[in-house]
Amino acid sequence: MLDVARPFATLLAWLRPFRSRILLSILVFGVKDSPIWVLPVITSAVIDVVVEHGDPLRLVTLLGIALLLLVQNFPSNILFVKLYMGSVRQLAVEVRNRLAHHLQGLSIGYHARASSSVMQTKLVRDVENIELMLQQTAQTGISALFILAGAIVVTAVRVPAFVPVFLLAVPVAALLVRGLRARSNARNEHFRHTVEHLSARVGEMATLMPITRAHGLEAVAADRVGSSAEGVRDAGLALDRLNGSFGALSWISYQTLGLLCLTGAALAALTGFIPITAGEVVLLSTYFTILTGSIINMLSLAPVITKGRESIKSICEVLQEPDVELNFGRTPASEVTGDILIENGGFEHDDADRPALSNITLHIRAGETVAFVGPSGSGKSTLLNLVLGFLRPSSGRILLDGRDINDLDMRAARRFFSVVPQESVLFEGSVRDNVTYGMARATDEQVHRALRDANALDVIEAMPDGWHTHVGERGARLSGGQRQRFAIARALVRNPRVLILDEATSALDSESERSVQEALQRLMEGRTTLVVAHRLSTIRSADRIAVLERGHIIELGTHEELVALGGRYTQLLGAQA
């Protein structure tokens, strides 16, 4: 069950698999916490023994019972932590895993719109807020529940007339919480959004750091983050003022009730209106003091609870996101030869003035290399995303080995694809980890062959630990050419049937480009290859070249045929001469 409007119902659904352990942990907590509500009874009995000059042996018996209650707290507490805290920690793991899997299923369009920093906040901070809410409220809440139950039961047996006084604590707490919720929900949601906005700004600052430093814009970048930080400050202070007012009002309300209880019990004992002993006056006062303290502590956790509630809503927003790449229930591709047919294919973005692609018809035979060229915005990258199944065509259809990709589970089909992008992304780990990403069973021989064919062995030999050398976060310790060669090795080790090269050499210097281009030629042999190229000199050997403009293929042929045609391709060549 997922419902942004009912976050606590969603939380209960998440906790359902752990209900047996949680229920048992509550019972264990009742035993563990029993000294809190049993010791006042013992204290009351001790006072009555003193006042009435009773048997000293009774004091020894009461002492023994009290010590046993205190000693059992240790093993009971360990068992409670194992049962309850273990469940909370496992819940956090499962929510994070569910979020990660759902994020992997969301469309490329969603990830293009969403900030990676905000996604990180949801995956890390929001789940942590839920953990803190469950951890901090459990002991205080369960303790208050048992104290209230124990106080009511003992008072009902010893001084029944004072039961309504204890019952009055519940509606007072309910009214206070209701008043807080009515005002805090909107402020907590606003605070969450300002924190997410700050996270997005920090992510932007990190991404733009080279541009910022190159143009001397450090102050501008810092000011952008600073304005968001001030927004978090203002939203946080408004929330703090509300929570502070609530805490003070709670404390005054329950201290007043405690004084009334003590004074009432003393008057009843003095006047004889209710038969009550001195020990029972202390018992009632102690119970109400403990109960008041527990409820005040619980009410002080209202900000933690509301923050946890807002975090559940935040996570549900992602888990309920409908922009999912639709693969479930579709036919998995067990084999791909690489024959691609685009029939009257078109694609239009929701907010675009014109289609990104329109009436594209192109047959790419298995093993053929087709290059796509054209100005920015002509539709080259959109076409690649359609072939990969990241986007679904708005019109027409795309066939992979004669099967409509709308009927295929493209997650399975993409196991036969490899993509080498313009900016190759590596993760923190060794060179070998990056080359064999997702292929843990790759042999050393396969890795060596892939690195050799990617012209990367000389780079490996110069590294202190060979292919076990760590590359740094996002490959920061490597040059652009080195990263690109490792990306090609990553593609080679998979032995793909379809290869996508998205301007794979445009960001490299001439020397690196020559080395990478040699590696790409080996990678392309015998594979269906789709190339988007900025430098036209790199695609002269392509079997065919498609020239795109404003979403249409306006020219198609070999390099020689297009040059002889003297059209748009010739103009593009001339512009790069």
Foldseek 3Di string as FASTA:
>chain_A
DFDLVCLVVVVVVLCVVLVVLLVVLLVLLLLLLVLLQVVLVLQLVVVVCVVVVHDVVVNVVSVVVSVVSNVSNVVSVVSSCCRQVVSLVVSLVVLLVLLVVLVVQFFPVVVVVDFPLLSVCLSPVLSVLLSCLSVQLVSLVSSLVSLLVSLLVVCCVAPVVCNVLSVVVVVVLVVLLVVLVVPCLVLLLQLSVLVSVLSSLVSVCVVCVVVCVVVVNVVVSVVSSVVSVVSNVVSVVVNVVSLVVSLVVLLVVLVVSLVVLLVVLVVCCVVVVDPDDPSRSSSRSSSSVVSSVSSSSSSNCSVSVSNSSSSSSVSSVSVVDPNGLDQPPFAEDPDAQFWKWFAQFWAADPPDPDTLAGGDTDTQGFLAEEEEEEDPSLNQVVVVCCVLSSDPTPDTFMDGVRHTCVRYNSVNVCLQEAEQEQFFFAAWFFLVCRLCPVPPPQDPVLLVVLLVLLLNQVVQVPDPVRRRDTQPGRSVNDDRLNSSSSSSSSLSSSNHQEYEYHQNPVVDDPVSSVSRLSSVVVSSGRHRYYYYHLPVVSCQPGQKYFYGGSNYGPDMGHPVVVVVVVDDVVVSVVVVD
